[in-house]
Amino acid sequence: MPFSSLRDPSDLARACAVMEAVWNELKDAIPEPERDGERTRLAYLVANLAPLALDEDDLKKNVLHQFGLRASQSSGA
């Protein structure tokens, strides 16, 4: 339960909104067999970064950056 650590209602709302927005951007680029695992990884990234974000845009930018860093490291790029 990645979002169970979020106690502030505004952090939780921000995390949920950003999670859905980012997932909708990324899911078509992720192979079907990997989607469940990548969605879970994305949820943990969102949960970890939400308390540090200034707003939804900041959170989305940071999540996309971290998700991309991990993807490029995994592919050896």
C-alpha atoms as a PDB file:
ATOM      1  CA  MET A   1       0.000   0.000   0.000  1.00  0.00           C
ATOM      2  CA  PRO A   2       2.240   2.790  -1.226  1.00  0.00           C
ATOM      3  CA  PHE A   3      -0.060   5.654  -0.233  1.00  0.00           C
ATOM      4  CA  SER A   4      -0.683   4.403   3.309  1.00  0.00           C
ATOM      5  CA  SER A   5       2.273   6.475   4.513  1.00  0.00           C
ATOM      6  CA  LEU A   6       0.628   9.725   3.392  1.00  0.00           C
ATOM      7  CA  ARG A   7      -1.150  11.312   6.346  1.00  0.00           C
ATOM      8  CA  ASP A   8      -1.760  14.817   5.019  1.00  0.00           C
ATOM      9  CA  PRO A   9      -5.015  14.891   3.005  1.00  0.00           C
ATOM     10  CA  SER A  10      -3.529  17.352   0.509  1.00  0.00           C
ATOM     11  CA  ASP A  11      -0.518  15.069  -0.079  1.00  0.00           C
ATOM     12  CA  LEU A  12      -2.853  12.118  -0.598  1.00  0.00           C
ATOM     13  CA  ALA A  13      -5.068  14.011  -3.047  1.00  0.00           C
ATOM     14  CA  ARG A  14      -2.019  15.286  -4.932  1.00  0.00           C
ATOM     15  CA  ALA A  15      -0.527  11.788  -5.067  1.00  0.00           C
ATOM     16  CA  CYS A  16      -3.706  10.213  -6.418  1.00  0.00           C
ATOM     17  CA  ALA A  17      -4.147  12.861  -9.103  1.00  0.00           C
ATOM     18  CA  VAL A  18      -0.533  12.673 -10.222  1.00  0.00           C
ATOM     19  CA  MET A  19      -0.497   8.884 -10.142  1.00  0.00           C
ATOM     20  CA  GLU A  20      -3.382   8.700 -12.596  1.00  0.00           C
ATOM     21  CA  ALA A  21      -2.045  11.477 -14.831  1.00  0.00           C
ATOM     22  CA  VAL A  22       1.452  10.001 -15.080  1.00  0.00           C
ATOM     23  CA  TRP A  23       0.181   6.457 -15.551  1.00  0.00           C
ATOM     24  CA  ASN A  24      -2.073   7.598 -18.404  1.00  0.00           C
ATOM     25  CA  GLU A  25       0.979   9.147 -20.072  1.00  0.00           C
ATOM     26  CA  LEU A  26       3.218   6.115 -19.627  1.00  0.00           C
ATOM     27  CA  LYS A  27       1.107   2.963 -19.809  1.00  0.00           C
ATOM     28  CA  ASP A  28       0.979   2.649 -23.599  1.00  0.00           C
ATOM     29  CA  ALA A  29       4.784   2.742 -23.775  1.00  0.00           C
ATOM     30  CA  ILE A  30       5.140  -0.107 -21.269  1.00  0.00           C
ATOM     31  CA  PRO A  31       4.850  -3.693 -22.528  1.00  0.00           C
ATOM     32  CA  GLU A  32       1.675  -5.386 -21.289  1.00  0.00           C
ATOM     33  CA  PRO A  33       3.469  -8.063 -19.183  1.00  0.00           C
ATOM     34  CA  GLU A  34       5.395  -5.360 -17.285  1.00  0.00           C
ATOM     35  CA  ARG A  35       2.495  -2.994 -16.584  1.00  0.00           C
ATOM     36  CA  ASP A  36       1.484  -4.268 -13.146  1.00  0.00           C
ATOM     37  CA  GLY A  37       5.024  -4.068 -11.817  1.00  0.00           C
ATOM     38  CA  GLU A  38       5.696  -0.681 -13.375  1.00  0.00           C
ATOM     39  CA  ARG A  39       2.426   0.746 -12.036  1.00  0.00           C
ATOM     40  CA  THR A  40       3.391  -0.435  -8.561  1.00  0.00           C
ATOM     41  CA  ARG A  41       6.861   1.085  -8.929  1.00  0.00           C
ATOM     42  CA  LEU A  42       5.270   4.323 -10.089  1.00  0.00           C
ATOM     43  CA  ALA A  43       2.951   4.347  -7.065  1.00  0.00           C
ATOM     44  CA  TYR A  44       5.901   4.028  -4.684  1.00  0.00           C
ATOM     45  CA  LEU A  45       7.736   6.840  -6.460  1.00  0.00           C
ATOM     46  CA  VAL A  46       4.674   9.068  -6.195  1.00  0.00           C
ATOM     47  CA  ALA A  47       4.201   8.222  -2.513  1.00  0.00           C
ATOM     48  CA  ASN A  48       7.852   8.927  -1.705  1.00  0.00           C
ATOM     49  CA  LEU A  49       7.964  12.227  -3.571  1.00  0.00           C
ATOM     50  CA  ALA A  50       4.502  13.607  -2.682  1.00  0.00           C
ATOM     51  CA  PRO A  51       5.409  15.122   0.712  1.00  0.00           C
ATOM     52  CA  LEU A  52       8.332  16.988  -0.883  1.00  0.00           C
ATOM     53  CA  ALA A  53       6.423  18.446  -3.829  1.00  0.00           C
ATOM     54  CA  LEU A  54       5.414  22.081  -4.058  1.00  0.00           C
ATOM     55  CA  ASP A  55       2.301  21.283  -6.098  1.00  0.00           C
ATOM     56  CA  GLU A  56       0.930  18.734  -8.570  1.00  0.00           C
ATOM     57  CA  ASP A  57       3.079  20.002 -11.435  1.00  0.00           C
ATOM     58  CA  ASP A  58       6.233  19.751  -9.334  1.00  0.00           C
ATOM     59  CA  LEU A  59       5.317  16.241  -8.212  1.00  0.00           C
ATOM     60  CA  LYS A  60       4.546  15.124 -11.767  1.00  0.00           C
ATOM     61  CA  LYS A  61       7.833  16.540 -13.061  1.00  0.00           C
ATOM     62  CA  ASN A  62       9.846  14.828 -10.320  1.00  0.00           C
ATOM     63  CA  VAL A  63       8.055  11.496 -10.727  1.00  0.00           C
ATOM     64  CA  LEU A  64       8.564  11.479 -14.498  1.00  0.00           C
ATOM     65  CA  HIS A  65      12.226  12.334 -13.985  1.00  0.00           C
ATOM     66  CA  GLN A  66      12.795   9.553 -11.433  1.00  0.00           C
ATOM     67  CA  PHE A  67      10.804   7.022 -13.441  1.00  0.00           C
ATOM     68  CA  GLY A  68      12.834   7.888 -16.536  1.00  0.00           C
ATOM     69  CA  LEU A  69      16.145   7.637 -14.678  1.00  0.00           C
ATOM     70  CA  ARG A  70      15.322   4.139 -13.501  1.00  0.00           C
ATOM     71  CA  ALA A  71      14.120   3.074 -16.945  1.00  0.00           C
ATOM     72  CA  SER A  72      17.291   4.316 -18.630  1.00  0.00           C
ATOM     73  CA  GLN A  73      19.480   2.598 -16.028  1.00  0.00           C
ATOM     74  CA  SER A  74      17.592  -0.668 -16.530  1.00  0.00           C
ATOM     75  CA  SER A  75      17.994  -0.543 -20.301  1.00  0.00           C
ATOM     76  CA  GLY A  76      21.681   0.295 -20.080  1.00  0.00           C
ATOM     77  CA  ALA A  77      21.285   3.646 -21.839  1.00  0.00           C
END
